[in-house]
PDB file of N, CA and C in Angstrom:
ATOM      1  N   MET A   1     -19.078  16.462  68.041  1.00  0.00           N
ATOM      2  CA  MET A   1     -18.502  16.116  66.763  1.00  0.00           C
ATOM      3  C   MET A   1     -18.850  17.204  65.760  1.00  0.00           C
ATOM      4  N   SER A   2     -17.878  17.609  64.986  1.00  0.00           N
ATOM      5  CA  SER A   2     -18.076  18.637  63.974  1.00  0.00           C
ATOM      6  C   SER A   2     -17.751  18.072  62.602  1.00  0.00           C
ATOM      7  N   LEU A   3     -18.550  18.427  61.626  1.00  0.00           N
ATOM      8  CA  LEU A   3     -18.288  17.988  60.259  1.00  0.00           C
ATOM      9  C   LEU A   3     -17.339  18.929  59.530  1.00  0.00           C
ATOM     10  N   ASN A   4     -17.181  20.154  60.042  1.00  0.00           N
ATOM     11  CA  ASN A   4     -16.372  21.162  59.372  1.00  0.00           C
ATOM     12  C   ASN A   4     -15.327  21.719  60.319  1.00  0.00           C
ATOM     13  N   GLY A   5     -14.202  22.132  59.750  1.00  0.00           N
ATOM     14  CA  GLY A   5     -13.145  22.745  60.538  1.00  0.00           C
ATOM     15  C   GLY A   5     -12.403  23.775  59.720  1.00  0.00           C
ATOM     16  N   CYS A   6     -11.879  24.780  60.385  1.00  0.00           N
ATOM     17  CA  CYS A   6     -11.150  25.845  59.718  1.00  0.00           C
ATOM     18  C   CYS A   6      -9.981  26.271  60.597  1.00  0.00           C
ATOM     19  N   VAL A   7      -8.784  26.336  60.020  1.00  0.00           N
ATOM     20  CA  VAL A   7      -7.589  26.780  60.722  1.00  0.00           C
ATOM     21  C   VAL A   7      -7.010  27.929  59.917  1.00  0.00           C
ATOM     22  N   SER A   8      -6.578  28.986  60.604  1.00  0.00           N
ATOM     23  CA  SER A   8      -6.026  30.134  59.881  1.00  0.00           C
ATOM     24  C   SER A   8      -4.715  30.592  60.503  1.00  0.00           C
ATOM     25  N   VAL A   9      -3.921  31.267  59.682  1.00  0.00           N
ATOM     26  CA  VAL A   9      -2.709  31.933  60.146  1.00  0.00           C
ATOM     27  C   VAL A   9      -2.954  33.413  59.942  1.00  0.00           C
ATOM     28  N   ILE A  10      -2.815  34.181  61.039  1.00  0.00           N
ATOM     29  CA  ILE A  10      -3.092  35.612  61.004  1.00  0.00           C
ATOM     30  C   ILE A  10      -1.824  36.359  61.409  1.00  0.00           C
ATOM     31  N   SER A  11      -1.488  37.401  60.668  1.00  0.00           N
ATOM     32  CA  SER A  11      -0.323  38.214  60.974  1.00  0.00           C
ATOM     33  C   SER A  11      -0.561  39.020  62.247  1.00  0.00           C
ATOM     34  N   ILE A  12       0.371  38.950  63.176  1.00  0.00           N
ATOM     35  CA  ILE A  12       0.284  39.742  64.401  1.00  0.00           C
ATOM     36  C   ILE A  12       0.439  41.223  64.063  1.00  0.00           C
ATOM     37  N   ASP A  13       1.271  41.528  63.068  1.00  0.00           N
ATOM     38  CA  ASP A  13       1.549  42.913  62.701  1.00  0.00           C
ATOM     39  C   ASP A  13       0.376  43.603  62.016  1.00  0.00           C
ATOM     40  N   THR A  14      -0.255  42.914  61.053  1.00  0.00           N
ATOM     41  CA  THR A  14      -1.298  43.559  60.245  1.00  0.00           C
ATOM     42  C   THR A  14      -2.704  43.095  60.570  1.00  0.00           C
ATOM     43  N   GLY A  15      -2.840  41.921  61.190  1.00  0.00           N
ATOM     44  CA  GLY A  15      -4.162  41.357  61.454  1.00  0.00           C
ATOM     45  C   GLY A  15      -4.772  40.682  60.243  1.00  0.00           C
ATOM     46  N   LYS A  16      -4.030  40.619  59.151  1.00  0.00           N
ATOM     47  CA  LYS A  16      -4.534  39.990  57.926  1.00  0.00           C
ATOM     48  C   LYS A  16      -4.313  38.479  57.955  1.00  0.00           C
ATOM     49  N   ILE A  17      -5.235  37.770  57.317  1.00  0.00           N
ATOM     50  CA  ILE A  17      -5.118  36.319  57.204  1.00  0.00           C
ATOM     51  C   ILE A  17      -4.070  35.993  56.147  1.00  0.00           C
ATOM     52  N   LEU A  18      -3.058  35.223  56.531  1.00  0.00           N
ATOM     53  CA  LEU A  18      -1.991  34.842  55.616  1.00  0.00           C
ATOM     54  C   LEU A  18      -2.279  33.524  54.917  1.00  0.00           C
ATOM     55  N   ASP A  19      -2.969  32.632  55.593  1.00  0.00           N
ATOM     56  CA  ASP A  19      -3.294  31.329  55.008  1.00  0.00           C
ATOM     57  C   ASP A  19      -4.487  30.750  55.752  1.00  0.00           C
ATOM     58  N   LEU A  20      -5.180  29.845  55.078  1.00  0.00           N
ATOM     59  CA  LEU A  20      -6.412  29.278  55.611  1.00  0.00           C
ATOM     60  C   LEU A  20      -6.542  27.842  55.137  1.00  0.00           C
ATOM     61  N   GLU A  21      -6.953  26.973  56.022  1.00  0.00           N
ATOM     62  CA  GLU A  21      -7.218  25.572  55.673  1.00  0.00           C
ATOM     63  C   GLU A  21      -8.628  25.235  56.135  1.00  0.00           C
ATOM     64  N   VAL A  22      -9.490  24.920  55.174  1.00  0.00           N
ATOM     65  CA  VAL A  22     -10.872  24.557  55.468  1.00  0.00           C
ATOM     66  C   VAL A  22     -11.031  23.074  55.199  1.00  0.00           C
ATOM     67  N   MET A  23     -11.616  22.378  56.153  1.00  0.00           N
ATOM     68  CA  MET A  23     -11.796  20.935  56.013  1.00  0.00           C
ATOM     69  C   MET A  23     -13.237  20.559  56.308  1.00  0.00           C
ATOM     70  N   THR A  24     -13.697  19.538  55.629  1.00  0.00           N
ATOM     71  CA  THR A  24     -15.039  19.036  55.870  1.00  0.00           C
ATOM     72  C   THR A  24     -15.032  17.516  55.783  1.00  0.00           C
ATOM     73  N   GLN A  25     -15.917  16.912  56.535  1.00  0.00           N
ATOM     74  CA  GLN A  25     -16.069  15.459  56.459  1.00  0.00           C
ATOM     75  C   GLN A  25     -17.244  15.087  55.556  1.00  0.00           C
ATOM     76  N   TYR A  26     -17.791  16.084  54.859  1.00  0.00           N
ATOM     77  CA  TYR A  26     -18.972  15.863  54.051  1.00  0.00           C
ATOM     78  C   TYR A  26     -18.808  16.559  52.700  1.00  0.00           C
ATOM     79  N   CYS A  27     -19.112  15.884  51.618  1.00  0.00           N
ATOM     80  CA  CYS A  27     -19.079  16.469  50.284  1.00  0.00           C
ATOM     81  C   CYS A  27     -20.342  16.036  49.537  1.00  0.00           C
ATOM     82  N   LYS A  28     -21.168  16.988  49.210  1.00  0.00           N
ATOM     83  CA  LYS A  28     -22.436  16.695  48.532  1.00  0.00           C
ATOM     84  C   LYS A  28     -22.202  16.019  47.181  1.00  0.00           C
ATOM     85  N   MET A  29     -21.201  16.475  46.457  1.00  0.00           N
ATOM     86  CA  MET A  29     -20.918  15.894  45.133  1.00  0.00           C
ATOM     87  C   MET A  29     -20.496  14.436  45.250  1.00  0.00           C
ATOM     88  N   CYS A  30     -19.689  14.142  46.256  1.00  0.00           N
ATOM     89  CA  CYS A  30     -19.277  12.749  46.467  1.00  0.00           C
ATOM     90  C   CYS A  30     -20.470  11.891  46.895  1.00  0.00           C
ATOM     91  N   GLU A  31     -21.340  12.459  47.735  1.00  0.00           N
ATOM     92  CA  GLU A  31     -22.511  11.726  48.210  1.00  0.00           C
ATOM     93  C   GLU A  31     -23.445  11.370  47.056  1.00  0.00           C
ATOM     94  N   LEU A  32     -23.604  12.288  46.124  1.00  0.00           N
ATOM     95  CA  LEU A  32     -24.503  12.070  44.988  1.00  0.00           C
ATOM     96  C   LEU A  32     -23.838  11.299  43.852  1.00  0.00           C
ATOM     97  N   ASN A  33     -22.567  10.963  44.023  1.00  0.00           N
ATOM     98  CA  ASN A  33     -21.790  10.275  42.995  1.00  0.00           C
ATOM     99  C   ASN A  33     -21.812  11.030  41.673  1.00  0.00           C
ATOM    100  N   VAL A  34     -21.652  12.343  41.753  1.00  0.00           N
ATOM    101  CA  VAL A  34     -21.625  13.182  40.554  1.00  0.00           C
ATOM    102  C   VAL A  34     -20.386  12.831  39.745  1.00  0.00           C
ATOM    103  N   LYS A  35     -20.576  12.596  38.467  1.00  0.00           N
ATOM    104  CA  LYS A  35     -19.479  12.211  37.582  1.00  0.00           C
ATOM    105  C   LYS A  35     -18.834  13.448  36.966  1.00  0.00           C
ATOM    106  N   CYS A  36     -18.144  14.210  37.791  1.00  0.00           N
ATOM    107  CA  CYS A  36     -17.419  15.368  37.277  1.00  0.00           C
ATOM    108  C   CYS A  36     -16.111  15.484  38.039  1.00  0.00           C
ATOM    109  N   GLU A  37     -15.202  16.186  37.429  1.00  0.00           N
ATOM    110  CA  GLU A  37     -13.909  16.402  38.067  1.00  0.00           C
ATOM    111  C   GLU A  37     -14.047  17.524  39.090  1.00  0.00           C
ATOM    112  N   HIS A  38     -13.808  17.227  40.335  1.00  0.00           N
ATOM    113  CA  HIS A  38     -13.782  18.269  41.348  1.00  0.00           C
ATOM    114  C   HIS A  38     -12.714  17.931  42.380  1.00  0.00           C
ATOM    115  N   VAL A  39     -12.189  18.971  42.985  1.00  0.00           N
ATOM    116  CA  VAL A  39     -11.213  18.777  44.040  1.00  0.00           C
ATOM    117  C   VAL A  39     -11.987  18.668  45.342  1.00  0.00           C
ATOM    118  N   CYS A  40     -12.013  17.487  45.868  1.00  0.00           N
ATOM    119  CA  CYS A  40     -12.773  17.246  47.089  1.00  0.00           C
ATOM    120  C   CYS A  40     -11.905  17.583  48.296  1.00  0.00           C
ATOM    121  N   SER A  41     -12.444  18.405  49.157  1.00  0.00           N
ATOM    122  CA  SER A  41     -11.681  18.800  50.346  1.00  0.00           C
ATOM    123  C   SER A  41     -12.073  17.957  51.557  1.00  0.00           C
ATOM    124  N   ASN A  42     -12.623  16.773  51.275  1.00  0.00           N
ATOM    125  CA  ASN A  42     -13.018  15.909  52.386  1.00  0.00           C
ATOM    126  C   ASN A  42     -11.829  15.630  53.296  1.00  0.00           C
ATOM    127  N   TYR A  43     -12.124  15.617  54.573  1.00  0.00           N
ATOM    128  CA  TYR A  43     -11.133  15.296  55.592  1.00  0.00           C
ATOM    129  C   TYR A  43     -11.493  13.938  56.146  1.00  0.00           C
ATOM    130  N   LYS A  44     -10.555  13.051  56.139  1.00  0.00           N
ATOM    131  CA  LYS A  44     -10.769  11.716  56.688  1.00  0.00           C
ATOM    132  C   LYS A  44     -10.067  11.631  58.033  1.00  0.00           C
ATOM    133  N   GLY A  45     -10.830  11.489  59.078  1.00  0.00           N
ATOM    134  CA  GLY A  45     -10.254  11.387  60.409  1.00  0.00           C
ATOM    135  C   GLY A  45     -11.226  11.906  61.447  1.00  0.00           C
ATOM    136  N   SER A  46     -10.762  11.971  62.681  1.00  0.00           N
ATOM    137  CA  SER A  46     -11.638  12.404  63.773  1.00  0.00           C
ATOM    138  C   SER A  46     -11.768  13.918  63.784  1.00  0.00           C
ATOM    139  N   SER A  47     -12.908  14.399  64.255  1.00  0.00           N
ATOM    140  CA  SER A  47     -13.142  15.839  64.366  1.00  0.00           C
ATOM    141  C   SER A  47     -12.129  16.495  65.294  1.00  0.00           C
ATOM    142  N   GLY A  48     -11.759  15.797  66.350  1.00  0.00           N
ATOM    143  CA  GLY A  48     -10.826  16.342  67.319  1.00  0.00           C
ATOM    144  C   GLY A  48      -9.426  16.548  66.773  1.00  0.00           C
ATOM    145  N   ASN A  49      -9.120  15.922  65.660  1.00  0.00           N
ATOM    146  CA  ASN A  49      -7.786  16.020  65.073  1.00  0.00           C
ATOM    147  C   ASN A  49      -7.729  17.039  63.927  1.00  0.00           C
ATOM    148  N   MET A  50      -8.863  17.647  63.591  1.00  0.00           N
ATOM    149  CA  MET A  50      -8.896  18.596  62.466  1.00  0.00           C
ATOM    150  C   MET A  50      -7.943  19.764  62.666  1.00  0.00           C
ATOM    151  N   GLU A  51      -7.914  20.343  63.862  1.00  0.00           N
ATOM    152  CA  GLU A  51      -7.052  21.496  64.120  1.00  0.00           C
ATOM    153  C   GLU A  51      -5.587  21.145  63.898  1.00  0.00           C
ATOM    154  N   ALA A  52      -5.167  19.996  64.400  1.00  0.00           N
ATOM    155  CA  ALA A  52      -3.773  19.580  64.264  1.00  0.00           C
ATOM    156  C   ALA A  52      -3.405  19.357  62.802  1.00  0.00           C
ATOM    157  N   VAL A  53      -4.268  18.704  62.047  1.00  0.00           N
ATOM    158  CA  VAL A  53      -4.006  18.437  60.633  1.00  0.00           C
ATOM    159  C   VAL A  53      -3.989  19.745  59.843  1.00  0.00           C
ATOM    160  N   GLY A  54      -4.942  20.629  60.127  1.00  0.00           N
ATOM    161  CA  GLY A  54      -4.995  21.920  59.444  1.00  0.00           C
ATOM    162  C   GLY A  54      -3.757  22.757  59.711  1.00  0.00           C
ATOM    163  N   ALA A  55      -3.327  22.809  60.961  1.00  0.00           N
ATOM    164  CA  ALA A  55      -2.119  23.561  61.312  1.00  0.00           C
ATOM    165  C   ALA A  55      -0.905  22.980  60.604  1.00  0.00           C
ATOM    166  N   PHE A  56      -0.790  21.667  60.586  1.00  0.00           N
ATOM    167  CA  PHE A  56       0.352  21.029  59.920  1.00  0.00           C
ATOM    168  C   PHE A  56       0.367  21.368  58.433  1.00  0.00           C
ATOM    169  N   ARG A  57      -0.790  21.286  57.778  1.00  0.00           N
ATOM    170  CA  ARG A  57      -0.864  21.585  56.348  1.00  0.00           C
ATOM    171  C   ARG A  57      -0.415  23.015  56.050  1.00  0.00           C
ATOM    172  N   ILE A  58      -0.870  23.958  56.874  1.00  0.00           N
ATOM    173  CA  ILE A  58      -0.517  25.368  56.670  1.00  0.00           C
ATOM    174  C   ILE A  58       0.975  25.598  56.892  1.00  0.00           C
ATOM    175  N   PHE A  59       1.518  25.087  57.986  1.00  0.00           N
ATOM    176  CA  PHE A  59       2.935  25.277  58.280  1.00  0.00           C
ATOM    177  C   PHE A  59       3.797  24.581  57.234  1.00  0.00           C
ATOM    178  N   GLU A  60       3.341  23.410  56.769  1.00  0.00           N
ATOM    179  CA  GLU A  60       4.107  22.639  55.789  1.00  0.00           C
ATOM    180  C   GLU A  60       4.264  23.400  54.473  1.00  0.00           C
ATOM    181  N   ARG A  61       3.248  24.109  54.045  1.00  0.00           N
ATOM    182  CA  ARG A  61       3.305  24.819  52.769  1.00  0.00           C
ATOM    183  C   ARG A  61       3.769  26.273  52.903  1.00  0.00           C
ATOM    184  N   SER A  62       4.070  26.715  54.109  1.00  0.00           N
ATOM    185  CA  SER A  62       4.409  28.121  54.335  1.00  0.00           C
ATOM    186  C   SER A  62       5.657  28.576  53.576  1.00  0.00           C
ATOM    187  N   LEU A  63       6.665  27.742  53.515  1.00  0.00           N
ATOM    188  CA  LEU A  63       7.882  28.118  52.799  1.00  0.00           C
ATOM    189  C   LEU A  63       7.657  28.177  51.294  1.00  0.00           C
ATOM    190  N   ILE A  64       6.955  27.205  50.766  1.00  0.00           N
ATOM    191  CA  ILE A  64       6.739  27.133  49.315  1.00  0.00           C
ATOM    192  C   ILE A  64       5.771  28.223  48.839  1.00  0.00           C
ATOM    193  N   LYS A  65       4.649  28.362  49.518  1.00  0.00           N
ATOM    194  CA  LYS A  65       3.620  29.318  49.078  1.00  0.00           C
ATOM    195  C   LYS A  65       3.896  30.757  49.492  1.00  0.00           C
ATOM    196  N   ARG A  66       4.435  30.963  50.680  1.00  0.00           N
ATOM    197  CA  ARG A  66       4.548  32.320  51.241  1.00  0.00           C
ATOM    198  C   ARG A  66       5.992  32.767  51.465  1.00  0.00           C
ATOM    199  N   ASP A  67       6.933  31.842  51.332  1.00  0.00           N
ATOM    200  CA  ASP A  67       8.330  32.123  51.645  1.00  0.00           C
ATOM    201  C   ASP A  67       8.462  32.639  53.079  1.00  0.00           C
ATOM    202  N   LEU A  68       7.698  32.008  53.983  1.00  0.00           N
ATOM    203  CA  LEU A  68       7.667  32.399  55.392  1.00  0.00           C
ATOM    204  C   LEU A  68       7.886  31.190  56.290  1.00  0.00           C
ATOM    205  N   GLU A  69       8.511  31.438  57.419  1.00  0.00           N
ATOM    206  CA  GLU A  69       8.551  30.469  58.503  1.00  0.00           C
ATOM    207  C   GLU A  69       7.770  31.069  59.653  1.00  0.00           C
ATOM    208  N   TYR A  70       6.701  30.428  60.047  1.00  0.00           N
ATOM    209  CA  TYR A  70       5.916  30.901  61.181  1.00  0.00           C
ATOM    210  C   TYR A  70       6.656  30.525  62.461  1.00  0.00           C
ATOM    211  N   THR A  71       6.890  31.486  63.335  1.00  0.00           N
ATOM    212  CA  THR A  71       7.706  31.241  64.522  1.00  0.00           C
ATOM    213  C   THR A  71       6.895  31.058  65.786  1.00  0.00           C
ATOM    214  N   GLU A  72       5.618  31.444  65.763  1.00  0.00           N
ATOM    215  CA  GLU A  72       4.793  31.351  66.957  1.00  0.00           C
ATOM    216  C   GLU A  72       3.453  30.704  66.637  1.00  0.00           C
ATOM    217  N   TYR A  73       3.003  29.888  67.564  1.00  0.00           N
ATOM    218  CA  TYR A  73       1.713  29.210  67.450  1.00  0.00           C
ATOM    219  C   TYR A  73       0.836  29.721  68.579  1.00  0.00           C
ATOM    220  N   TYR A  74      -0.240  30.366  68.216  1.00  0.00           N
ATOM    221  CA  TYR A  74      -1.164  30.941  69.199  1.00  0.00           C
ATOM    222  C   TYR A  74      -2.347  30.005  69.294  1.00  0.00           C
ATOM    223  N   GLY A  75      -2.445  29.276  70.381  1.00  0.00           N
ATOM    224  CA  GLY A  75      -3.455  28.238  70.483  1.00  0.00           C
ATOM    225  C   GLY A  75      -4.457  28.464  71.579  1.00  0.00           C
ATOM    226  N   ASP A  76      -5.343  27.513  71.699  1.00  0.00           N
ATOM    227  CA  ASP A  76      -6.436  27.598  72.662  1.00  0.00           C
ATOM    228  C   ASP A  76      -6.235  26.673  73.856  1.00  0.00           C
ATOM    229  N   GLY A  77      -5.026  26.248  74.088  1.00  0.00           N
ATOM    230  CA  GLY A  77      -4.761  25.355  75.211  1.00  0.00           C
ATOM    231  C   GLY A  77      -4.649  23.904  74.789  1.00  0.00           C
ATOM    232  N   ASP A  78      -5.200  23.574  73.641  1.00  0.00           N
ATOM    233  CA  ASP A  78      -5.130  22.223  73.098  1.00  0.00           C
ATOM    234  C   ASP A  78      -3.751  22.053  72.461  1.00  0.00           C
ATOM    235  N   SER A  79      -2.966  21.138  72.948  1.00  0.00           N
ATOM    236  CA  SER A  79      -1.592  21.022  72.470  1.00  0.00           C
ATOM    237  C   SER A  79      -1.437  20.169  71.223  1.00  0.00           C
ATOM    238  N   LYS A  80      -2.495  19.529  70.737  1.00  0.00           N
ATOM    239  CA  LYS A  80      -2.361  18.650  69.572  1.00  0.00           C
ATOM    240  C   LYS A  80      -1.858  19.399  68.339  1.00  0.00           C
ATOM    241  N   GLY A  81      -2.412  20.578  68.097  1.00  0.00           N
ATOM    242  CA  GLY A  81      -1.985  21.366  66.937  1.00  0.00           C
ATOM    243  C   GLY A  81      -0.544  21.802  67.061  1.00  0.00           C
ATOM    244  N   PHE A  82      -0.181  22.293  68.232  1.00  0.00           N
ATOM    245  CA  PHE A  82       1.190  22.752  68.451  1.00  0.00           C
ATOM    246  C   PHE A  82       2.185  21.612  68.315  1.00  0.00           C
ATOM    247  N   LEU A  83       1.853  20.450  68.853  1.00  0.00           N
ATOM    248  CA  LEU A  83       2.768  19.308  68.766  1.00  0.00           C
ATOM    249  C   LEU A  83       3.053  18.913  67.321  1.00  0.00           C
ATOM    250  N   GLN A  84       2.102  19.155  66.426  1.00  0.00           N
ATOM    251  CA  GLN A  84       2.298  18.832  65.017  1.00  0.00           C
ATOM    252  C   GLN A  84       3.275  19.783  64.323  1.00  0.00           C
ATOM    253  N   VAL A  85       3.406  21.020  64.819  1.00  0.00           N
ATOM    254  CA  VAL A  85       4.196  22.023  64.096  1.00  0.00           C
ATOM    255  C   VAL A  85       5.443  22.515  64.827  1.00  0.00           C
ATOM    256  N   LYS A  86       5.639  22.155  66.076  1.00  0.00           N
ATOM    257  CA  LYS A  86       6.722  22.758  66.860  1.00  0.00           C
ATOM    258  C   LYS A  86       8.111  22.486  66.291  1.00  0.00           C
ATOM    259  N   ASP A  87       8.292  21.397  65.586  1.00  0.00           N
ATOM    260  CA  ASP A  87       9.602  21.045  65.022  1.00  0.00           C
ATOM    261  C   ASP A  87       9.601  21.060  63.496  1.00  0.00           C
ATOM    262  N   ILE A  88       8.659  21.729  62.881  1.00  0.00           N
ATOM    263  CA  ILE A  88       8.482  21.636  61.431  1.00  0.00           C
ATOM    264  C   ILE A  88       9.646  22.233  60.632  1.00  0.00           C
ATOM    265  N   TYR A  89      10.297  23.268  61.142  1.00  0.00           N
ATOM    266  CA  TYR A  89      11.438  23.882  60.450  1.00  0.00           C
ATOM    267  C   TYR A  89      12.770  23.495  61.088  1.00  0.00           C
ATOM    268  N   GLY A  90      12.745  22.679  62.084  1.00  0.00           N
ATOM    269  CA  GLY A  90      13.921  22.290  62.863  1.00  0.00           C
ATOM    270  C   GLY A  90      13.482  22.129  64.304  1.00  0.00           C
ATOM    271  N   GLU A  91      14.344  21.582  65.127  1.00  0.00           N
ATOM    272  CA  GLU A  91      13.973  21.307  66.512  1.00  0.00           C
ATOM    273  C   GLU A  91      13.554  22.582  67.250  1.00  0.00           C
ATOM    274  N   ASN A  92      12.365  22.526  67.840  1.00  0.00           N
ATOM    275  CA  ASN A  92      11.781  23.634  68.613  1.00  0.00           C
ATOM    276  C   ASN A  92      11.821  24.975  67.874  1.00  0.00           C
ATOM    277  N   SER A  93      11.513  24.939  66.580  1.00  0.00           N
ATOM    278  CA  SER A  93      11.555  26.152  65.759  1.00  0.00           C
ATOM    279  C   SER A  93      10.314  27.021  65.931  1.00  0.00           C
ATOM    280  N   VAL A  94       9.259  26.480  66.525  1.00  0.00           N
ATOM    281  CA  VAL A  94       8.019  27.228  66.734  1.00  0.00           C
ATOM    282  C   VAL A  94       7.735  27.254  68.237  1.00  0.00           C
ATOM    283  N   THR A  95       7.407  28.428  68.753  1.00  0.00           N
ATOM    284  CA  THR A  95       7.066  28.544  70.167  1.00  0.00           C
ATOM    285  C   THR A  95       5.558  28.711  70.311  1.00  0.00           C
ATOM    286  N   LYS A  96       5.064  28.339  71.465  1.00  0.00           N
ATOM    287  CA  LYS A  96       3.624  28.369  71.705  1.00  0.00           C
ATOM    288  C   LYS A  96       3.240  29.584  72.536  1.00  0.00           C
ATOM    289  N   LEU A  97       2.235  30.301  72.071  1.00  0.00           N
ATOM    290  CA  LEU A  97       1.612  31.366  72.841  1.00  0.00           C
ATOM    291  C   LEU A  97       0.229  30.879  73.208  1.00  0.00           C
ATOM    292  N   GLU A  98      -0.299  31.365  74.307  1.00  0.00           N
ATOM    293  CA  GLU A  98      -1.612  30.886  74.718  1.00  0.00           C
ATOM    294  C   GLU A  98      -2.568  32.047  74.946  1.00  0.00           C
ATOM    295  N   CYS A  99      -3.795  31.860  74.532  1.00  0.00           N
ATOM    296  CA  CYS A  99      -4.838  32.869  74.669  1.00  0.00           C
ATOM    297  C   CYS A  99      -5.156  33.074  76.155  1.00  0.00           C
ATOM    298  N   ILE A 100      -5.049  34.299  76.617  1.00  0.00           N
ATOM    299  CA  ILE A 100      -5.292  34.598  78.032  1.00  0.00           C
ATOM    300  C   ILE A 100      -6.730  34.262  78.432  1.00  0.00           C
ATOM    301  N   GLY A 101      -7.663  34.417  77.501  1.00  0.00           N
ATOM    302  CA  GLY A 101      -9.063  34.085  77.785  1.00  0.00           C
ATOM    303  C   GLY A 101      -9.245  32.619  78.131  1.00  0.00           C
ATOM    304  N   HIS A 102      -8.535  31.743  77.418  1.00  0.00           N
ATOM    305  CA  HIS A 102      -8.629  30.315  77.708  1.00  0.00           C
ATOM    306  C   HIS A 102      -7.955  29.976  79.036  1.00  0.00           C
ATOM    307  N   ILE A 103      -6.869  30.662  79.337  1.00  0.00           N
ATOM    308  CA  ILE A 103      -6.204  30.443  80.624  1.00  0.00           C
ATOM    309  C   ILE A 103      -7.143  30.857  81.757  1.00  0.00           C
ATOM    310  N   GLN A 104      -7.758  32.030  81.606  1.00  0.00           N
ATOM    311  CA  GLN A 104      -8.695  32.509  82.624  1.00  0.00           C
ATOM    312  C   GLN A 104      -9.849  31.530  82.811  1.00  0.00           C
ATOM    313  N   LYS A 105     -10.355  31.011  81.712  1.00  0.00           N
ATOM    314  CA  LYS A 105     -11.468  30.064  81.776  1.00  0.00           C
ATOM    315  C   LYS A 105     -11.077  28.814  82.561  1.00  0.00           C
ATOM    316  N   ARG A 106      -9.883  28.280  82.288  1.00  0.00           N
ATOM    317  CA  ARG A 106      -9.428  27.078  82.993  1.00  0.00           C
ATOM    318  C   ARG A 106      -9.210  27.345  84.477  1.00  0.00           C
ATOM    319  N   VAL A 107      -8.592  28.484  84.792  1.00  0.00           N
ATOM    320  CA  VAL A 107      -8.340  28.824  86.198  1.00  0.00           C
ATOM    321  C   VAL A 107      -9.659  28.979  86.944  1.00  0.00           C
ATOM    322  N   CYS A 108     -10.605  29.724  86.348  1.00  0.00           N
ATOM    323  CA  CYS A 108     -11.909  29.923  87.003  1.00  0.00           C
ATOM    324  C   CYS A 108     -12.637  28.609  87.204  1.00  0.00           C
ATOM    325  N   SER A 109     -12.580  27.740  86.220  1.00  0.00           N
ATOM    326  CA  SER A 109     -13.238  26.437  86.324  1.00  0.00           C
ATOM    327  C   SER A 109     -12.643  25.623  87.473  1.00  0.00           C
ATOM    328  N   ARG A 110     -11.329  25.636  87.577  1.00  0.00           N
ATOM    329  CA  ARG A 110     -10.679  24.876  88.650  1.00  0.00           C
ATOM    330  C   ARG A 110     -10.958  25.483  90.019  1.00  0.00           C
ATOM    331  N   LEU A 111     -11.036  26.817  90.088  1.00  0.00           N
ATOM    332  CA  LEU A 111     -11.367  27.459  91.356  1.00  0.00           C
ATOM    333  C   LEU A 111     -12.795  27.128  91.795  1.00  0.00           C
ATOM    334  N   ARG A 112     -13.745  27.089  90.850  1.00  0.00           N
ATOM    335  CA  ARG A 112     -15.126  26.710  91.191  1.00  0.00           C
ATOM    336  C   ARG A 112     -15.173  25.284  91.718  1.00  0.00           C
ATOM    337  N   LYS A 113     -14.424  24.368  91.064  1.00  0.00           N
ATOM    338  CA  LYS A 113     -14.385  22.982  91.534  1.00  0.00           C
ATOM    339  C   LYS A 113     -13.791  22.896  92.932  1.00  0.00           C
ATOM    340  N   LEU A 114     -12.724  23.650  93.171  1.00  0.00           N
ATOM    341  CA  LEU A 114     -12.093  23.659  94.490  1.00  0.00           C
ATOM    342  C   LEU A 114     -13.047  24.203  95.541  1.00  0.00           C
ATOM    343  N   LYS A 115     -13.745  25.271  95.208  1.00  0.00           N
ATOM    344  CA  LYS A 115     -14.714  25.874  96.136  1.00  0.00           C
ATOM    345  C   LYS A 115     -15.809  24.870  96.473  1.00  0.00           C
ATOM    346  N   GLU A 116     -16.328  24.180  95.472  1.00  0.00           N
ATOM    347  CA  GLU A 116     -17.382  23.184  95.695  1.00  0.00           C
ATOM    348  C   GLU A 116     -16.850  22.027  96.549  1.00  0.00           C
ATOM    349  N   HIS A 117     -15.629  21.608  96.265  1.00  0.00           N
ATOM    350  CA  HIS A 117     -15.014  20.533  97.045  1.00  0.00           C
ATOM    351  C   HIS A 117     -14.842  20.957  98.506  1.00  0.00           C
ATOM    352  N   GLN A 118     -14.366  22.187  98.711  1.00  0.00           N
ATOM    353  CA  GLN A 118     -14.179  22.695 100.073  1.00  0.00           C
ATOM    354  C   GLN A 118     -15.513  22.782 100.813  1.00  0.00           C
ATOM    355  N   ARG A 119     -16.569  23.258 100.122  1.00  0.00           N
ATOM    356  CA  ARG A 119     -17.884  23.372 100.760  1.00  0.00           C
ATOM    357  C   ARG A 119     -18.412  21.994 101.134  1.00  0.00           C
ATOM    358  N   THR A 120     -18.258  21.031 100.247  1.00  0.00           N
ATOM    359  CA  THR A 120     -18.703  19.660 100.522  1.00  0.00           C
ATOM    360  C   THR A 120     -17.930  19.088 101.707  1.00  0.00           C
ATOM    361  N   TRP A 121     -16.624  19.323 101.751  1.00  0.00           N
ATOM    362  CA  TRP A 121     -15.798  18.839 102.854  1.00  0.00           C
ATOM    363  C   TRP A 121     -16.216  19.503 104.165  1.00  0.00           C
ATOM    364  N   TRP A 122     -16.457  20.829 104.142  1.00  0.00           N
ATOM    365  CA  TRP A 122     -16.819  21.570 105.336  1.00  0.00           C
ATOM    366  C   TRP A 122     -18.163  21.096 105.862  1.00  0.00           C
ATOM    367  N   GLU A 123     -19.141  20.887 104.986  1.00  0.00           N
ATOM    368  CA  GLU A 123     -20.464  20.422 105.417  1.00  0.00           C
ATOM    369  C   GLU A 123     -20.370  19.024 106.013  1.00  0.00           C
ATOM    370  N   GLY A 124     -19.469  18.210 105.510  1.00  0.00           N
ATOM    371  CA  GLY A 124     -19.262  16.868 106.051  1.00  0.00           C
ATOM    372  C   GLY A 124     -18.698  16.918 107.465  1.00  0.00           C
ATOM    373  N   GLU A 125     -17.837  17.910 107.748  1.00  0.00           N
ATOM    374  CA  GLU A 125     -17.245  18.077 109.072  1.00  0.00           C
ATOM    375  C   GLU A 125     -18.297  18.507 110.095  1.00  0.00           C
ATOM    376  N   ILE A 126     -19.248  19.351 109.665  1.00  0.00           N
ATOM    377  CA  ILE A 126     -20.267  19.870 110.572  1.00  0.00           C
ATOM    378  C   ILE A 126     -21.256  18.771 110.934  1.00  0.00           C
ATOM    379  N   ASN A 127     -21.645  17.963 109.975  1.00  0.00           N
ATOM    380  CA  ASN A 127     -22.650  16.919 110.211  1.00  0.00           C
ATOM    381  C   ASN A 127     -22.012  15.774 110.875  1.00  0.00           C
TER     382      ASN A 127
END
């Protein structure tokens, strides 16, 4: 469980951050009941849903704030964020790209499990 989350949009061309959404489930001012006007960035919801909510917020304001439509979503294999934005400008207006490092990690993990399963099966045949 994480109390904080951050989602960003980065330009493929320049590498610069175009937009950023920072969320937290904790606010010291709210906890202390400070009587002042502040914009609380508290996020209400599960930690696992922070990425999806952050991505939606960024894509939702992209036209108004940046006059941009983001066409590609580069994710970490978790489809929750992509599912929130894939139809935001129209049906299937955003395509998903996937980090090769995460793909490699999943493939290697599954190969290790398969290897262990095969070894366990083979040892069972011998005994």
